[in-house]
Amino acid sequence: MQMKPPREPLSVVRDWANELSQKLGRPVEALVDNGLSAYDFSVDTRVELRRPTGFTISIPLSFCVIDANRGVAVFSEHDGYMEFSLEEDDVASEIVEHSYRHGA
């Protein structure tokens, strides 16, 4: 996997608007005009990108959309919007974790 050069957040949203619309259930036009909001992100969700060698990137408060030809776009509330090309056997996982911590 290789990270693509950073771009303006709204440009990334515009280029991935169709995939985002399907994932978020919002019209393409609304995403293009307004971008994403804090309500699109969850503290329970993160994205992990893994190489077959074991190299792993974990991005908290994020989700991803994938296109077989373009790769993966990761949208993070605090760390920006990133695009990666995927190579053979690379894995992009969206992980939802609900935790309970019992207080003493």
N, C-alpha and C. Protein backbone atom coordinates (compact mmCIF):
# COMPACT_ATOMS: atom_id res chain seq x y z
N MET A 1 0.85 -1.16 0.00
CA MET A 1 0.00 0.00 0.00
C MET A 1 0.89 1.22 0.00
N GLN A 2 0.40 2.23 -0.63
CA GLN A 2 1.14 3.49 -0.70
C GLN A 2 0.16 4.62 -0.48
N MET A 3 0.54 5.56 0.40
CA MET A 3 -0.30 6.73 0.62
C MET A 3 -0.14 7.67 -0.56
N LYS A 4 -1.26 8.14 -1.07
CA LYS A 4 -1.24 9.10 -2.16
C LYS A 4 -0.99 10.50 -1.58
N PRO A 5 -0.53 11.44 -2.40
CA PRO A 5 -0.28 12.79 -1.89
C PRO A 5 -1.54 13.40 -1.27
N PRO A 6 -1.38 14.10 -0.15
CA PRO A 6 -2.54 14.73 0.51
C PRO A 6 -3.21 15.75 -0.40
N ARG A 7 -4.55 15.83 -0.26
CA ARG A 7 -5.33 16.80 -1.03
C ARG A 7 -6.29 17.51 -0.08
N GLU A 8 -6.89 18.57 -0.58
CA GLU A 8 -7.89 19.31 0.19
C GLU A 8 -9.03 18.35 0.55
N PRO A 9 -9.52 18.41 1.80
CA PRO A 9 -10.59 17.50 2.23
C PRO A 9 -11.81 17.49 1.31
N LEU A 10 -12.27 18.66 0.90
CA LEU A 10 -13.48 18.69 0.07
C LEU A 10 -13.23 18.06 -1.30
N SER A 11 -12.01 18.13 -1.82
CA SER A 11 -11.68 17.47 -3.09
C SER A 11 -11.78 15.95 -2.94
N VAL A 12 -11.31 15.43 -1.81
CA VAL A 12 -11.40 13.99 -1.57
C VAL A 12 -12.86 13.57 -1.46
N VAL A 13 -13.66 14.35 -0.74
CA VAL A 13 -15.10 14.04 -0.60
C VAL A 13 -15.76 14.05 -1.97
N ARG A 14 -15.47 15.05 -2.77
CA ARG A 14 -16.09 15.13 -4.11
C ARG A 14 -15.73 13.93 -4.97
N ASP A 15 -14.46 13.51 -4.92
CA ASP A 15 -14.04 12.39 -5.76
C ASP A 15 -14.60 11.05 -5.30
N TRP A 16 -14.97 10.96 -4.03
CA TRP A 16 -15.50 9.72 -3.47
C TRP A 16 -16.98 9.86 -3.10
N ALA A 17 -17.64 10.87 -3.63
CA ALA A 17 -19.02 11.18 -3.24
C ALA A 17 -19.99 10.02 -3.50
N ASN A 18 -19.85 9.31 -4.60
CA ASN A 18 -20.77 8.19 -4.88
C ASN A 18 -20.64 7.10 -3.83
N GLU A 19 -19.41 6.73 -3.50
CA GLU A 19 -19.18 5.70 -2.49
C GLU A 19 -19.63 6.18 -1.10
N LEU A 20 -19.35 7.44 -0.80
CA LEU A 20 -19.78 8.00 0.49
C LEU A 20 -21.30 8.04 0.60
N SER A 21 -21.96 8.38 -0.50
CA SER A 21 -23.42 8.43 -0.52
C SER A 21 -24.01 7.05 -0.18
N GLN A 22 -23.46 6.01 -0.78
CA GLN A 22 -23.93 4.65 -0.50
C GLN A 22 -23.68 4.28 0.96
N LYS A 23 -22.51 4.63 1.47
CA LYS A 23 -22.15 4.24 2.83
C LYS A 23 -22.94 5.02 3.88
N LEU A 24 -23.08 6.32 3.68
CA LEU A 24 -23.70 7.19 4.68
C LEU A 24 -25.20 7.39 4.48
N GLY A 25 -25.70 6.99 3.30
CA GLY A 25 -27.13 7.14 3.04
C GLY A 25 -27.56 8.58 2.85
N ARG A 26 -26.65 9.40 2.33
CA ARG A 26 -26.97 10.80 2.06
C ARG A 26 -26.79 11.07 0.58
N PRO A 27 -27.52 12.03 0.03
CA PRO A 27 -27.39 12.33 -1.40
C PRO A 27 -25.99 12.84 -1.76
N VAL A 28 -25.55 12.48 -2.94
CA VAL A 28 -24.26 12.93 -3.44
C VAL A 28 -24.17 14.45 -3.38
N GLU A 29 -25.23 15.13 -3.80
CA GLU A 29 -25.24 16.59 -3.85
C GLU A 29 -24.98 17.19 -2.46
N ALA A 30 -25.58 16.60 -1.43
CA ALA A 30 -25.39 17.11 -0.07
C ALA A 30 -23.94 16.93 0.38
N LEU A 31 -23.34 15.81 0.02
CA LEU A 31 -21.94 15.57 0.39
C LEU A 31 -21.01 16.52 -0.35
N VAL A 32 -21.26 16.73 -1.63
CA VAL A 32 -20.43 17.64 -2.42
C VAL A 32 -20.56 19.07 -1.91
N ASP A 33 -21.75 19.48 -1.55
CA ASP A 33 -21.98 20.86 -1.10
C ASP A 33 -21.49 21.09 0.33
N ASN A 34 -21.70 20.11 1.21
CA ASN A 34 -21.46 20.33 2.63
C ASN A 34 -20.30 19.54 3.22
N GLY A 35 -19.82 18.53 2.52
CA GLY A 35 -18.77 17.68 3.07
C GLY A 35 -19.30 16.79 4.19
N LEU A 36 -18.41 16.32 5.02
CA LEU A 36 -18.78 15.44 6.13
C LEU A 36 -18.95 16.27 7.40
N SER A 37 -19.61 15.69 8.39
CA SER A 37 -19.77 16.36 9.68
C SER A 37 -19.29 15.43 10.79
N ALA A 38 -19.19 15.96 11.98
CA ALA A 38 -18.76 15.17 13.13
C ALA A 38 -19.71 13.98 13.36
N TYR A 39 -20.96 14.11 12.95
CA TYR A 39 -21.93 13.03 13.13
C TYR A 39 -21.65 11.82 12.24
N ASP A 40 -20.77 11.98 11.26
CA ASP A 40 -20.42 10.86 10.38
C ASP A 40 -19.39 9.92 11.00
N PHE A 41 -18.82 10.32 12.14
CA PHE A 41 -17.75 9.56 12.76
C PHE A 41 -18.19 9.00 14.10
N SER A 42 -17.57 7.89 14.49
CA SER A 42 -17.89 7.25 15.75
C SER A 42 -16.61 6.92 16.51
N VAL A 43 -16.64 7.12 17.82
CA VAL A 43 -15.48 6.76 18.64
C VAL A 43 -15.26 5.24 18.64
N ASP A 44 -16.26 4.48 18.23
CA ASP A 44 -16.17 3.02 18.21
C ASP A 44 -15.57 2.46 16.93
N THR A 45 -15.31 3.31 15.94
CA THR A 45 -14.89 2.82 14.63
C THR A 45 -13.50 3.32 14.27
N ARG A 46 -12.70 2.40 13.74
CA ARG A 46 -11.37 2.77 13.26
C ARG A 46 -11.08 1.96 11.98
N VAL A 47 -10.09 2.41 11.25
CA VAL A 47 -9.66 1.71 10.04
C VAL A 47 -8.26 1.18 10.28
N GLU A 48 -8.05 -0.06 9.87
CA GLU A 48 -6.71 -0.65 9.88
C GLU A 48 -6.34 -1.04 8.47
N LEU A 49 -5.15 -0.64 8.07
CA LEU A 49 -4.59 -1.02 6.78
C LEU A 49 -3.40 -1.93 7.07
N ARG A 50 -3.38 -3.10 6.43
CA ARG A 50 -2.34 -4.09 6.72
C ARG A 50 -1.67 -4.59 5.44
N ARG A 51 -0.36 -4.71 5.52
CA ARG A 51 0.43 -5.32 4.46
C ARG A 51 0.65 -6.79 4.81
N PRO A 52 0.91 -7.64 3.85
CA PRO A 52 1.17 -9.05 4.14
C PRO A 52 2.40 -9.25 5.04
N THR A 53 3.28 -8.27 5.09
CA THR A 53 4.48 -8.36 5.92
C THR A 53 4.19 -8.16 7.40
N GLY A 54 2.96 -7.71 7.73
CA GLY A 54 2.60 -7.45 9.11
C GLY A 54 2.56 -5.97 9.45
N PHE A 55 3.06 -5.12 8.56
CA PHE A 55 3.00 -3.68 8.77
C PHE A 55 1.53 -3.26 8.85
N THR A 56 1.19 -2.49 9.89
CA THR A 56 -0.21 -2.09 10.11
C THR A 56 -0.28 -0.61 10.44
N ILE A 57 -1.27 0.04 9.86
CA ILE A 57 -1.61 1.43 10.20
C ILE A 57 -3.00 1.38 10.80
N SER A 58 -3.17 2.01 11.96
CA SER A 58 -4.48 2.08 12.61
C SER A 58 -4.88 3.55 12.73
N ILE A 59 -6.06 3.88 12.23
CA ILE A 59 -6.52 5.27 12.21
C ILE A 59 -7.82 5.35 13.01
N PRO A 60 -7.78 5.98 14.20
CA PRO A 60 -8.98 6.05 15.04
C PRO A 60 -10.00 7.04 14.51
N LEU A 61 -11.23 6.91 15.01
CA LEU A 61 -12.33 7.81 14.65
C LEU A 61 -12.43 7.96 13.13
N SER A 62 -12.44 6.84 12.44
CA SER A 62 -12.42 6.88 10.98
C SER A 62 -13.28 5.79 10.38
N PHE A 63 -13.54 5.94 9.10
CA PHE A 63 -14.19 4.91 8.29
C PHE A 63 -13.56 4.98 6.91
N CYS A 64 -13.84 3.98 6.07
CA CYS A 64 -13.24 3.97 4.74
C CYS A 64 -14.25 3.57 3.68
N VAL A 65 -13.92 3.93 2.46
CA VAL A 65 -14.63 3.45 1.28
C VAL A 65 -13.56 2.92 0.32
N ILE A 66 -13.94 1.91 -0.45
CA ILE A 66 -12.96 1.21 -1.27
C ILE A 66 -13.46 1.11 -2.70
N ASP A 67 -12.54 1.28 -3.62
CA ASP A 67 -12.80 1.07 -5.04
C ASP A 67 -11.65 0.22 -5.56
N ALA A 68 -11.95 -0.86 -6.25
CA ALA A 68 -10.93 -1.81 -6.69
C ALA A 68 -9.85 -1.14 -7.55
N ASN A 69 -10.21 -0.13 -8.31
CA ASN A 69 -9.23 0.52 -9.19
C ASN A 69 -8.52 1.70 -8.53
N ARG A 70 -9.23 2.44 -7.69
CA ARG A 70 -8.65 3.65 -7.09
C ARG A 70 -7.99 3.40 -5.74
N GLY A 71 -8.33 2.32 -5.08
CA GLY A 71 -7.77 2.01 -3.77
C GLY A 71 -8.76 2.28 -2.66
N VAL A 72 -8.27 2.87 -1.57
CA VAL A 72 -9.11 3.10 -0.40
C VAL A 72 -8.96 4.56 0.03
N ALA A 73 -10.09 5.15 0.42
CA ALA A 73 -10.09 6.49 1.01
C ALA A 73 -10.49 6.34 2.46
N VAL A 74 -9.69 6.89 3.34
CA VAL A 74 -9.94 6.83 4.77
C VAL A 74 -10.32 8.23 5.24
N PHE A 75 -11.47 8.32 5.89
CA PHE A 75 -11.97 9.60 6.38
C PHE A 75 -11.90 9.57 7.91
N SER A 76 -11.07 10.44 8.46
CA SER A 76 -10.87 10.49 9.90
C SER A 76 -11.32 11.84 10.44
N GLU A 77 -12.00 11.82 11.56
CA GLU A 77 -12.49 13.08 12.13
C GLU A 77 -11.35 14.01 12.52
N HIS A 78 -10.27 13.47 13.07
CA HIS A 78 -9.20 14.32 13.59
C HIS A 78 -7.91 14.29 12.78
N ASP A 79 -7.72 13.28 11.95
CA ASP A 79 -6.46 13.13 11.24
C ASP A 79 -6.56 13.38 9.74
N GLY A 80 -7.67 13.91 9.28
CA GLY A 80 -7.82 14.26 7.88
C GLY A 80 -8.31 13.11 7.02
N TYR A 81 -8.33 13.36 5.73
CA TYR A 81 -8.81 12.39 4.75
C TYR A 81 -7.60 11.93 3.94
N MET A 82 -7.41 10.61 3.88
CA MET A 82 -6.23 10.04 3.24
C MET A 82 -6.65 9.03 2.18
N GLU A 83 -5.84 8.95 1.14
CA GLU A 83 -6.08 7.98 0.08
C GLU A 83 -4.85 7.08 -0.05
N PHE A 84 -5.11 5.80 -0.26
CA PHE A 84 -4.04 4.82 -0.40
C PHE A 84 -4.30 3.96 -1.63
N SER A 85 -3.23 3.65 -2.34
CA SER A 85 -3.34 2.62 -3.37
C SER A 85 -3.14 1.28 -2.66
N LEU A 86 -3.79 0.26 -3.16
CA LEU A 86 -3.67 -1.07 -2.56
C LEU A 86 -2.94 -1.99 -3.52
N GLU A 87 -2.05 -2.78 -2.96
CA GLU A 87 -1.31 -3.75 -3.74
C GLU A 87 -1.80 -5.15 -3.38
N GLU A 88 -1.34 -6.14 -4.09
CA GLU A 88 -1.78 -7.51 -3.87
C GLU A 88 -1.64 -7.91 -2.41
N ASP A 89 -2.69 -8.49 -1.88
CA ASP A 89 -2.77 -9.00 -0.51
C ASP A 89 -2.81 -7.93 0.58
N ASP A 90 -2.89 -6.65 0.21
CA ASP A 90 -3.13 -5.60 1.22
C ASP A 90 -4.55 -5.76 1.75
N VAL A 91 -4.77 -5.38 2.99
CA VAL A 91 -6.08 -5.49 3.63
C VAL A 91 -6.48 -4.14 4.20
N ALA A 92 -7.70 -3.73 3.91
CA ALA A 92 -8.29 -2.54 4.52
C ALA A 92 -9.48 -3.02 5.34
N SER A 93 -9.45 -2.76 6.64
CA SER A 93 -10.52 -3.23 7.53
C SER A 93 -11.11 -2.05 8.28
N GLU A 94 -12.43 -2.03 8.33
CA GLU A 94 -13.12 -1.07 9.17
C GLU A 94 -13.56 -1.85 10.41
N ILE A 95 -13.10 -1.42 11.55
CA ILE A 95 -13.32 -2.17 12.79
C ILE A 95 -14.21 -1.37 13.72
N VAL A 96 -15.29 -2.00 14.15
CA VAL A 96 -16.21 -1.40 15.11
C VAL A 96 -16.02 -2.14 16.42
N GLU A 97 -15.71 -1.40 17.46
CA GLU A 97 -15.43 -2.00 18.75
C GLU A 97 -16.28 -1.31 19.82
N HIS A 98 -17.11 -2.07 20.45
CA HIS A 98 -17.92 -1.56 21.56
C HIS A 98 -17.30 -2.09 22.84
N SER A 99 -16.82 -1.20 23.68
CA SER A 99 -16.11 -1.61 24.89
C SER A 99 -16.90 -1.25 26.13
N TYR A 100 -16.75 -2.09 27.11
CA TYR A 100 -17.32 -1.82 28.43
C TYR A 100 -16.17 -1.89 29.43
N ARG A 101 -15.99 -0.85 30.18
CA ARG A 101 -14.94 -0.84 31.20
C ARG A 101 -15.61 -0.73 32.55
N HIS A 102 -15.48 -1.76 33.34
CA HIS A 102 -16.12 -1.80 34.64
C HIS A 102 -15.30 -1.02 35.66
N GLY A 103 -15.93 -0.07 36.30
CA GLY A 103 -15.25 0.75 37.30
C GLY A 103 -15.13 0.01 38.62
N ALA A 104 -14.10 0.33 39.34
CA ALA A 104 -13.87 -0.32 40.64
C ALA A 104 -14.63 0.38 41.74
